[in-house]
Amino acid sequence: MALNLEQKKAIVAEVAEVAGSAYSAIAAEYRGLGVDEMTALRKQARDNGVYLRVVKNTLARRAVEGTDFECMQEGLTGPLLLAFSQEDPGSAARVIKDFAKEHDLLEVRLVSISGKMLDPSEIGTLAKMPTYDEAISMLMAVMKAPVEKLARTMNEVPGKLVRTVAAVKDAKEAA
């Protein structure tokens, strides 16, 4: 079904709005995937805060124009689906990578983060990036470690004194 001009403008505006606020973008070729597989991918993406859309390449080029993902324009050829990370930089990469493990027909073609194109083989690196909550917990653990060490050290001084006094007492009782 052909789209009229107003529908095309609406699609471009929607994708441009999402691209403007996204952390990373992935374009993957979906040729050969069935409807049920695409539905499962869309559900998985929705559950993980990833905007997933199949858009005509000419409309996609116009949508990413003026965003951090402008570098993807030249690679938008063939049947592609676009995945934009809405919550954290690695969420789209995790969804696509996990789905591609089970479905060989889904092939990653373009990976972009913060205006830089990455090699499609680096999707694993992007997928391993921590979520916001994971990053905060890692930071808190690093900040908490010196305080814990100081507390253990301060607690060790009276403990050592008690052990020394107990050893002297035992030595006097044995003598």
N, C-alpha and C. Protein backbone atom coordinates (compact mmCIF):
# COMPACT_ATOMS: atom_id res chain seq x y z
N MET A 1 0.84 -1.17 0.00
CA MET A 1 0.00 0.00 0.00
C MET A 1 0.89 1.24 0.00
N ALA A 2 0.67 2.10 -0.94
CA ALA A 2 1.48 3.31 -1.07
C ALA A 2 1.07 4.34 -0.02
N LEU A 3 2.06 5.07 0.44
CA LEU A 3 1.82 6.12 1.44
C LEU A 3 1.63 7.45 0.75
N ASN A 4 0.70 8.26 1.25
CA ASN A 4 0.57 9.60 0.68
C ASN A 4 1.57 10.52 1.38
N LEU A 5 1.68 11.74 0.89
CA LEU A 5 2.69 12.68 1.38
C LEU A 5 2.54 12.96 2.87
N GLU A 6 1.32 13.11 3.34
CA GLU A 6 1.09 13.40 4.76
C GLU A 6 1.55 12.24 5.65
N GLN A 7 1.28 11.01 5.21
CA GLN A 7 1.71 9.84 5.98
C GLN A 7 3.24 9.76 6.02
N LYS A 8 3.86 10.06 4.89
CA LYS A 8 5.32 10.05 4.84
C LYS A 8 5.91 11.10 5.77
N LYS A 9 5.33 12.29 5.78
CA LYS A 9 5.81 13.36 6.66
C LYS A 9 5.65 12.95 8.13
N ALA A 10 4.55 12.29 8.44
CA ALA A 10 4.30 11.85 9.82
C ALA A 10 5.34 10.82 10.25
N ILE A 11 5.66 9.88 9.36
CA ILE A 11 6.65 8.85 9.66
C ILE A 11 8.02 9.49 9.87
N VAL A 12 8.41 10.40 8.97
CA VAL A 12 9.71 11.07 9.08
C VAL A 12 9.78 11.85 10.39
N ALA A 13 8.71 12.55 10.74
CA ALA A 13 8.69 13.34 11.98
C ALA A 13 8.80 12.44 13.21
N GLU A 14 8.09 11.32 13.19
CA GLU A 14 8.12 10.38 14.32
C GLU A 14 9.51 9.79 14.51
N VAL A 15 10.10 9.30 13.42
CA VAL A 15 11.43 8.69 13.50
C VAL A 15 12.48 9.74 13.86
N ALA A 16 12.35 10.95 13.33
CA ALA A 16 13.31 12.02 13.64
C ALA A 16 13.23 12.40 15.12
N GLU A 17 12.03 12.43 15.67
CA GLU A 17 11.87 12.74 17.09
C GLU A 17 12.53 11.67 17.97
N VAL A 18 12.32 10.41 17.62
CA VAL A 18 12.92 9.31 18.37
C VAL A 18 14.44 9.35 18.22
N ALA A 19 14.92 9.56 17.00
CA ALA A 19 16.37 9.61 16.74
C ALA A 19 17.03 10.76 17.48
N GLY A 20 16.32 11.85 17.63
CA GLY A 20 16.87 13.01 18.32
C GLY A 20 17.12 12.76 19.79
N SER A 21 16.34 11.88 20.40
CA SER A 21 16.50 11.62 21.84
C SER A 21 17.16 10.27 22.13
N ALA A 22 17.50 9.50 21.10
CA ALA A 22 18.06 8.16 21.30
C ALA A 22 19.55 8.21 21.63
N TYR A 23 20.01 7.19 22.34
CA TYR A 23 21.43 7.08 22.71
C TYR A 23 22.24 6.38 21.63
N SER A 24 21.65 5.35 21.01
CA SER A 24 22.35 4.61 19.96
C SER A 24 21.32 4.09 18.96
N ALA A 25 21.83 3.73 17.78
CA ALA A 25 20.94 3.22 16.73
C ALA A 25 21.60 2.03 16.05
N ILE A 26 20.76 1.09 15.65
CA ILE A 26 21.23 -0.10 14.93
C ILE A 26 20.30 -0.33 13.75
N ALA A 27 20.89 -0.61 12.61
CA ALA A 27 20.12 -0.99 11.43
C ALA A 27 20.48 -2.43 11.10
N ALA A 28 19.46 -3.26 10.95
CA ALA A 28 19.70 -4.68 10.69
C ALA A 28 18.83 -5.13 9.53
N GLU A 29 19.38 -6.01 8.72
CA GLU A 29 18.64 -6.57 7.59
C GLU A 29 17.78 -7.72 8.10
N TYR A 30 16.51 -7.66 7.79
CA TYR A 30 15.56 -8.66 8.30
C TYR A 30 15.04 -9.59 7.22
N ARG A 31 15.65 -9.59 6.06
CA ARG A 31 15.18 -10.38 4.92
C ARG A 31 15.04 -11.86 5.31
N GLY A 32 13.86 -12.43 5.10
CA GLY A 32 13.62 -13.84 5.38
C GLY A 32 12.96 -14.12 6.71
N LEU A 33 12.84 -13.13 7.58
CA LEU A 33 12.16 -13.35 8.87
C LEU A 33 10.66 -13.36 8.66
N GLY A 34 9.98 -14.26 9.36
CA GLY A 34 8.54 -14.36 9.25
C GLY A 34 7.85 -13.34 10.13
N VAL A 35 6.53 -13.25 9.96
CA VAL A 35 5.72 -12.29 10.71
C VAL A 35 5.79 -12.60 12.21
N ASP A 36 5.70 -13.89 12.57
CA ASP A 36 5.73 -14.24 13.98
C ASP A 36 7.09 -13.92 14.62
N GLU A 37 8.15 -14.06 13.86
CA GLU A 37 9.49 -13.72 14.37
C GLU A 37 9.63 -12.20 14.55
N MET A 38 9.13 -11.44 13.59
CA MET A 38 9.18 -9.98 13.69
C MET A 38 8.32 -9.49 14.87
N THR A 39 7.19 -10.14 15.08
CA THR A 39 6.33 -9.78 16.21
C THR A 39 7.05 -10.05 17.52
N ALA A 40 7.74 -11.18 17.61
CA ALA A 40 8.50 -11.51 18.82
C ALA A 40 9.62 -10.49 19.04
N LEU A 41 10.28 -10.08 17.97
CA LEU A 41 11.35 -9.08 18.08
C LEU A 41 10.78 -7.74 18.54
N ARG A 42 9.64 -7.35 18.00
CA ARG A 42 9.01 -6.09 18.40
C ARG A 42 8.62 -6.11 19.88
N LYS A 43 8.09 -7.24 20.33
CA LYS A 43 7.70 -7.37 21.74
C LYS A 43 8.93 -7.27 22.64
N GLN A 44 9.98 -7.97 22.26
CA GLN A 44 11.22 -7.94 23.04
C GLN A 44 11.78 -6.51 23.08
N ALA A 45 11.71 -5.81 21.97
CA ALA A 45 12.20 -4.43 21.90
C ALA A 45 11.36 -3.52 22.79
N ARG A 46 10.06 -3.67 22.71
CA ARG A 46 9.15 -2.85 23.53
C ARG A 46 9.42 -3.06 25.02
N ASP A 47 9.65 -4.30 25.42
CA ASP A 47 9.90 -4.63 26.82
C ASP A 47 11.22 -4.04 27.33
N ASN A 48 12.16 -3.77 26.42
CA ASN A 48 13.48 -3.27 26.82
C ASN A 48 13.69 -1.79 26.50
N GLY A 49 12.65 -1.06 26.18
CA GLY A 49 12.76 0.37 25.93
C GLY A 49 13.48 0.70 24.63
N VAL A 50 13.23 -0.10 23.61
CA VAL A 50 13.86 0.10 22.30
C VAL A 50 12.77 0.42 21.29
N TYR A 51 12.97 1.50 20.53
CA TYR A 51 12.04 1.86 19.45
C TYR A 51 12.48 1.10 18.21
N LEU A 52 11.61 0.26 17.70
CA LEU A 52 11.94 -0.58 16.54
C LEU A 52 10.95 -0.26 15.43
N ARG A 53 11.47 0.01 14.24
CA ARG A 53 10.59 0.41 13.14
C ARG A 53 11.19 -0.01 11.80
N VAL A 54 10.36 -0.50 10.93
CA VAL A 54 10.75 -0.75 9.54
C VAL A 54 10.27 0.46 8.75
N VAL A 55 11.22 1.16 8.13
CA VAL A 55 10.91 2.40 7.41
C VAL A 55 11.58 2.32 6.04
N LYS A 56 10.93 2.91 5.04
CA LYS A 56 11.58 3.00 3.74
C LYS A 56 12.89 3.76 3.89
N ASN A 57 13.89 3.35 3.15
CA ASN A 57 15.22 3.93 3.31
C ASN A 57 15.26 5.43 3.01
N THR A 58 14.51 5.89 2.02
CA THR A 58 14.51 7.32 1.71
C THR A 58 13.92 8.12 2.87
N LEU A 59 12.87 7.57 3.50
CA LEU A 59 12.27 8.24 4.65
C LEU A 59 13.22 8.19 5.85
N ALA A 60 13.91 7.09 6.01
CA ALA A 60 14.87 6.94 7.12
C ALA A 60 16.02 7.94 6.95
N ARG A 61 16.49 8.12 5.73
CA ARG A 61 17.58 9.08 5.48
C ARG A 61 17.15 10.49 5.89
N ARG A 62 15.92 10.85 5.54
CA ARG A 62 15.41 12.17 5.89
C ARG A 62 15.21 12.30 7.40
N ALA A 63 14.81 11.22 8.03
CA ALA A 63 14.54 11.25 9.47
C ALA A 63 15.81 11.42 10.29
N VAL A 64 16.90 10.79 9.89
CA VAL A 64 18.14 10.87 10.67
C VAL A 64 18.96 12.11 10.32
N GLU A 65 18.54 12.84 9.31
CA GLU A 65 19.23 14.07 8.92
C GLU A 65 19.15 15.08 10.06
N GLY A 66 20.31 15.61 10.44
CA GLY A 66 20.36 16.60 11.52
C GLY A 66 20.39 16.00 12.92
N THR A 67 20.53 14.67 13.03
CA THR A 67 20.64 14.01 14.33
C THR A 67 22.05 13.43 14.48
N ASP A 68 22.30 12.80 15.61
CA ASP A 68 23.59 12.15 15.83
C ASP A 68 23.81 10.97 14.87
N PHE A 69 22.75 10.49 14.29
CA PHE A 69 22.83 9.29 13.44
C PHE A 69 22.87 9.61 11.95
N GLU A 70 23.23 10.84 11.62
CA GLU A 70 23.34 11.25 10.23
C GLU A 70 24.40 10.43 9.51
N CYS A 71 25.38 9.92 10.26
CA CYS A 71 26.45 9.12 9.66
C CYS A 71 25.94 7.80 9.08
N MET A 72 24.72 7.42 9.41
CA MET A 72 24.15 6.15 8.92
C MET A 72 23.53 6.28 7.54
N GLN A 73 23.36 7.48 7.03
CA GLN A 73 22.60 7.71 5.80
C GLN A 73 23.10 6.89 4.62
N GLU A 74 24.40 6.82 4.42
CA GLU A 74 24.93 6.13 3.25
C GLU A 74 24.70 4.63 3.30
N GLY A 75 24.61 4.06 4.48
CA GLY A 75 24.46 2.62 4.62
C GLY A 75 23.03 2.14 4.61
N LEU A 76 22.08 3.05 4.51
CA LEU A 76 20.66 2.66 4.53
C LEU A 76 20.24 2.16 3.15
N THR A 77 20.54 0.91 2.86
CA THR A 77 20.14 0.27 1.61
C THR A 77 19.62 -1.12 1.91
N GLY A 78 18.67 -1.55 1.13
CA GLY A 78 18.11 -2.88 1.33
C GLY A 78 17.02 -2.86 2.40
N PRO A 79 16.42 -4.02 2.66
CA PRO A 79 15.36 -4.08 3.67
C PRO A 79 15.95 -4.02 5.08
N LEU A 80 15.78 -2.88 5.73
CA LEU A 80 16.37 -2.67 7.05
C LEU A 80 15.30 -2.33 8.08
N LEU A 81 15.56 -2.74 9.31
CA LEU A 81 14.76 -2.25 10.42
C LEU A 81 15.68 -1.39 11.28
N LEU A 82 15.14 -0.34 11.84
CA LEU A 82 15.91 0.57 12.67
C LEU A 82 15.54 0.35 14.13
N ALA A 83 16.54 0.26 14.99
CA ALA A 83 16.33 0.11 16.43
C ALA A 83 17.06 1.25 17.13
N PHE A 84 16.32 2.02 17.91
CA PHE A 84 16.89 3.15 18.65
C PHE A 84 16.80 2.87 20.14
N SER A 85 17.91 3.03 20.86
CA SER A 85 17.94 2.85 22.31
C SER A 85 17.37 4.08 22.98
N GLN A 86 16.31 3.90 23.74
CA GLN A 86 15.66 5.02 24.40
C GLN A 86 16.12 5.19 25.85
N GLU A 87 16.47 4.10 26.53
CA GLU A 87 16.77 4.16 27.96
C GLU A 87 18.25 4.20 28.27
N ASP A 88 19.04 3.38 27.58
CA ASP A 88 20.48 3.37 27.80
C ASP A 88 21.16 2.97 26.49
N PRO A 89 22.43 3.31 26.31
CA PRO A 89 23.09 3.10 25.02
C PRO A 89 23.13 1.64 24.54
N GLY A 90 23.14 0.70 25.44
CA GLY A 90 23.29 -0.69 25.02
C GLY A 90 22.02 -1.48 24.84
N SER A 91 20.86 -0.90 25.13
CA SER A 91 19.62 -1.68 25.10
C SER A 91 19.27 -2.21 23.71
N ALA A 92 19.39 -1.39 22.68
CA ALA A 92 19.07 -1.86 21.32
C ALA A 92 20.06 -2.94 20.89
N ALA A 93 21.32 -2.76 21.24
CA ALA A 93 22.34 -3.75 20.88
C ALA A 93 22.05 -5.08 21.56
N ARG A 94 21.63 -5.04 22.83
CA ARG A 94 21.31 -6.29 23.55
C ARG A 94 20.14 -7.00 22.90
N VAL A 95 19.09 -6.25 22.56
CA VAL A 95 17.90 -6.86 21.96
C VAL A 95 18.24 -7.50 20.61
N ILE A 96 18.91 -6.73 19.75
CA ILE A 96 19.24 -7.24 18.41
C ILE A 96 20.22 -8.40 18.49
N LYS A 97 21.22 -8.29 19.35
CA LYS A 97 22.23 -9.36 19.47
C LYS A 97 21.59 -10.66 19.98
N ASP A 98 20.75 -10.55 21.01
CA ASP A 98 20.09 -11.74 21.55
C ASP A 98 19.16 -12.38 20.52
N PHE A 99 18.44 -11.54 19.77
CA PHE A 99 17.53 -12.08 18.77
C PHE A 99 18.30 -12.70 17.61
N ALA A 100 19.42 -12.09 17.23
CA ALA A 100 20.22 -12.61 16.11
C ALA A 100 20.88 -13.95 16.45
N LYS A 101 21.11 -14.21 17.74
CA LYS A 101 21.68 -15.50 18.15
C LYS A 101 20.76 -16.65 17.74
N GLU A 102 19.45 -16.42 17.92
CA GLU A 102 18.46 -17.45 17.63
C GLU A 102 18.02 -17.45 16.16
N HIS A 103 18.14 -16.31 15.49
CA HIS A 103 17.66 -16.18 14.12
C HIS A 103 18.81 -15.69 13.23
N ASP A 104 19.35 -16.60 12.46
CA ASP A 104 20.49 -16.28 11.60
C ASP A 104 20.15 -15.29 10.49
N LEU A 105 18.88 -15.16 10.16
CA LEU A 105 18.49 -14.28 9.06
C LEU A 105 18.58 -12.80 9.42
N LEU A 106 18.59 -12.48 10.71
CA LEU A 106 18.73 -11.08 11.13
C LEU A 106 20.22 -10.74 11.15
N GLU A 107 20.60 -9.83 10.25
CA GLU A 107 22.01 -9.47 10.09
C GLU A 107 22.23 -7.99 10.38
N VAL A 108 23.08 -7.71 11.35
CA VAL A 108 23.38 -6.33 11.72
C VAL A 108 24.21 -5.70 10.62
N ARG A 109 23.77 -4.53 10.14
CA ARG A 109 24.48 -3.84 9.05
C ARG A 109 25.13 -2.54 9.52
N LEU A 110 24.45 -1.78 10.39
CA LEU A 110 24.97 -0.49 10.85
C LEU A 110 24.80 -0.36 12.36
N VAL A 111 25.84 0.16 13.01
CA VAL A 111 25.79 0.43 14.44
C VAL A 111 26.33 1.84 14.65
N SER A 112 25.58 2.66 15.36
CA SER A 112 26.00 4.05 15.60
C SER A 112 25.70 4.44 17.03
N ILE A 113 26.67 5.16 17.62
CA ILE A 113 26.48 5.70 18.96
C ILE A 113 27.14 7.07 19.01
N SER A 114 26.43 8.04 19.49
CA SER A 114 26.93 9.42 19.65
C SER A 114 27.57 9.97 18.38
N GLY A 115 26.94 9.74 17.26
CA GLY A 115 27.43 10.30 16.01
C GLY A 115 28.60 9.56 15.38
N LYS A 116 28.98 8.42 15.92
CA LYS A 116 30.09 7.64 15.37
C LYS A 116 29.58 6.30 14.89
N MET A 117 30.05 5.92 13.70
CA MET A 117 29.72 4.61 13.17
C MET A 117 30.68 3.58 13.75
N LEU A 118 30.16 2.46 14.17
CA LEU A 118 30.96 1.35 14.64
C LEU A 118 30.85 0.22 13.63
N ASP A 119 31.82 -0.67 13.66
CA ASP A 119 31.76 -1.85 12.81
C ASP A 119 30.63 -2.74 13.34
N PRO A 120 29.85 -3.37 12.48
CA PRO A 120 28.76 -4.24 12.96
C PRO A 120 29.23 -5.34 13.90
N SER A 121 30.48 -5.74 13.79
CA SER A 121 31.00 -6.79 14.69
C SER A 121 31.16 -6.27 16.12
N GLU A 122 31.12 -4.96 16.32
CA GLU A 122 31.28 -4.37 17.65
C GLU A 122 29.96 -4.25 18.40
N ILE A 123 28.92 -4.89 17.89
CA ILE A 123 27.63 -4.83 18.58
C ILE A 123 27.73 -5.48 19.95
N GLY A 124 28.59 -6.48 20.08
CA GLY A 124 28.79 -7.13 21.38
C GLY A 124 29.35 -6.17 22.42
N THR A 125 30.27 -5.33 22.00
CA THR A 125 30.85 -4.34 22.90
C THR A 125 29.78 -3.36 23.38
N LEU A 126 28.95 -2.91 22.47
CA LEU A 126 27.87 -1.99 22.81
C LEU A 126 26.84 -2.68 23.70
N ALA A 127 26.58 -3.95 23.44
CA ALA A 127 25.60 -4.70 24.24
C ALA A 127 26.09 -4.91 25.67
N LYS A 128 27.40 -4.95 25.87
CA LYS A 128 27.96 -5.17 27.21
C LYS A 128 27.99 -3.91 28.07
N MET A 129 27.67 -2.77 27.48
CA MET A 129 27.66 -1.53 28.26
C MET A 129 26.62 -1.65 29.38
N PRO A 130 26.96 -1.18 30.58
CA PRO A 130 26.01 -1.31 31.69
C PRO A 130 24.82 -0.38 31.52
N THR A 131 23.71 -0.80 32.12
CA THR A 131 22.54 0.07 32.15
C THR A 131 22.81 1.18 33.15
N TYR A 132 21.93 2.14 33.23
CA TYR A 132 22.10 3.26 34.15
C TYR A 132 22.21 2.76 35.60
N ASP A 133 21.31 1.86 35.99
CA ASP A 133 21.31 1.34 37.35
C ASP A 133 22.59 0.55 37.65
N GLU A 134 23.04 -0.25 36.69
CA GLU A 134 24.28 -1.01 36.87
C GLU A 134 25.47 -0.07 37.03
N ALA A 135 25.51 0.99 36.24
CA ALA A 135 26.62 1.95 36.31
C ALA A 135 26.63 2.66 37.67
N ILE A 136 25.46 3.03 38.16
CA ILE A 136 25.37 3.69 39.46
C ILE A 136 25.83 2.75 40.57
N SER A 137 25.42 1.48 40.51
CA SER A 137 25.83 0.54 41.55
C SER A 137 27.34 0.28 41.50
N MET A 138 27.93 0.25 40.30
CA MET A 138 29.38 0.09 40.19
C MET A 138 30.09 1.31 40.78
N LEU A 139 29.59 2.50 40.52
CA LEU A 139 30.18 3.72 41.06
C LEU A 139 30.08 3.75 42.58
N MET A 140 28.93 3.36 43.10
CA MET A 140 28.75 3.34 44.56
C MET A 140 29.70 2.33 45.22
N ALA A 141 29.91 1.19 44.57
CA ALA A 141 30.83 0.18 45.13
C ALA A 141 32.25 0.73 45.18
N VAL A 142 32.65 1.45 44.14
CA VAL A 142 33.99 2.04 44.11
C VAL A 142 34.14 3.13 45.17
N MET A 143 33.09 3.91 45.35
CA MET A 143 33.15 4.99 46.34
C MET A 143 33.09 4.45 47.77
N LYS A 144 32.43 3.33 47.97
CA LYS A 144 32.25 2.76 49.30
C LYS A 144 33.48 1.99 49.78
N ALA A 145 34.27 1.47 48.88
CA ALA A 145 35.41 0.60 49.24
C ALA A 145 36.41 1.26 50.18
N PRO A 146 36.89 2.49 49.95
CA PRO A 146 37.86 3.09 50.88
C PRO A 146 37.30 3.30 52.29
N VAL A 147 36.02 3.64 52.39
CA VAL A 147 35.40 3.83 53.69
C VAL A 147 35.34 2.51 54.45
N GLU A 148 34.97 1.43 53.76
CA GLU A 148 34.93 0.11 54.39
C GLU A 148 36.32 -0.31 54.86
N LYS A 149 37.32 -0.07 54.06
CA LYS A 149 38.68 -0.45 54.42
C LYS A 149 39.14 0.33 55.65
N LEU A 150 38.82 1.62 55.71
CA LEU A 150 39.17 2.44 56.87
C LEU A 150 38.48 1.90 58.12
N ALA A 151 37.21 1.56 58.01
CA ALA A 151 36.46 1.04 59.16
C ALA A 151 37.06 -0.28 59.64
N ARG A 152 37.43 -1.16 58.72
CA ARG A 152 38.06 -2.44 59.11
C ARG A 152 39.40 -2.20 59.80
N THR A 153 40.18 -1.25 59.26
CA THR A 153 41.49 -0.95 59.84
C THR A 153 41.33 -0.38 61.26
N MET A 154 40.39 0.54 61.41
CA MET A 154 40.16 1.13 62.73
C MET A 154 39.65 0.09 63.72
N ASN A 155 38.88 -0.84 63.27
CA ASN A 155 38.33 -1.90 64.12
C ASN A 155 39.41 -2.91 64.49
N GLU A 156 40.41 -3.05 63.67
CA GLU A 156 41.47 -4.03 63.89
C GLU A 156 42.38 -3.64 65.07
N VAL A 157 42.59 -2.36 65.32
CA VAL A 157 43.49 -1.91 66.40
C VAL A 157 43.01 -2.42 67.76
N PRO A 158 41.76 -2.19 68.18
CA PRO A 158 41.34 -2.73 69.48
C PRO A 158 41.31 -4.26 69.48
N GLY A 159 40.97 -4.85 68.36
CA GLY A 159 40.96 -6.32 68.28
C GLY A 159 42.34 -6.91 68.50
N LYS A 160 43.34 -6.27 67.93
CA LYS A 160 44.72 -6.75 68.10
C LYS A 160 45.16 -6.59 69.56
N LEU A 161 44.78 -5.50 70.21
CA LEU A 161 45.11 -5.27 71.61
C LEU A 161 44.48 -6.35 72.48
N VAL A 162 43.22 -6.68 72.23
CA VAL A 162 42.52 -7.72 72.99
C VAL A 162 43.22 -9.06 72.81
N ARG A 163 43.60 -9.40 71.59
CA ARG A 163 44.29 -10.67 71.34
C ARG A 163 45.65 -10.71 72.05
N THR A 164 46.37 -9.58 72.07
CA THR A 164 47.68 -9.51 72.75
C THR A 164 47.51 -9.70 74.25
N VAL A 165 46.54 -9.02 74.85
CA VAL A 165 46.28 -9.16 76.29
C VAL A 165 45.89 -10.60 76.61
N ALA A 166 45.06 -11.21 75.76
CA ALA A 166 44.64 -12.60 75.99
C ALA A 166 45.84 -13.54 75.88
N ALA A 167 46.76 -13.29 74.97
CA ALA A 167 47.95 -14.13 74.82
C ALA A 167 48.86 -13.98 76.04
N VAL A 168 49.01 -12.75 76.57
CA VAL A 168 49.84 -12.52 77.77
C VAL A 168 49.20 -13.24 78.96
N LYS A 169 47.87 -13.16 79.09
CA LYS A 169 47.15 -13.83 80.19
C LYS A 169 47.36 -15.34 80.12
N ASP A 170 47.21 -15.90 78.91
CA ASP A 170 47.42 -17.34 78.73
C ASP A 170 48.85 -17.74 79.08
N ALA A 171 49.81 -16.89 78.72
CA ALA A 171 51.22 -17.20 79.00
C ALA A 171 51.48 -17.18 80.50
N LYS A 172 50.87 -16.24 81.25
CA LYS A 172 51.05 -16.15 82.70
C LYS A 172 50.38 -17.32 83.40
N GLU A 173 49.22 -17.73 82.89
CA GLU A 173 48.52 -18.88 83.50
C GLU A 173 49.27 -20.16 83.27
N ALA A 174 49.93 -20.29 82.13
CA ALA A 174 50.67 -21.50 81.81
C ALA A 174 51.96 -21.57 82.63
N ALA A 175 52.50 -20.44 83.06
CA ALA A 175 53.75 -20.41 83.78
C ALA A 175 53.64 -20.68 85.24
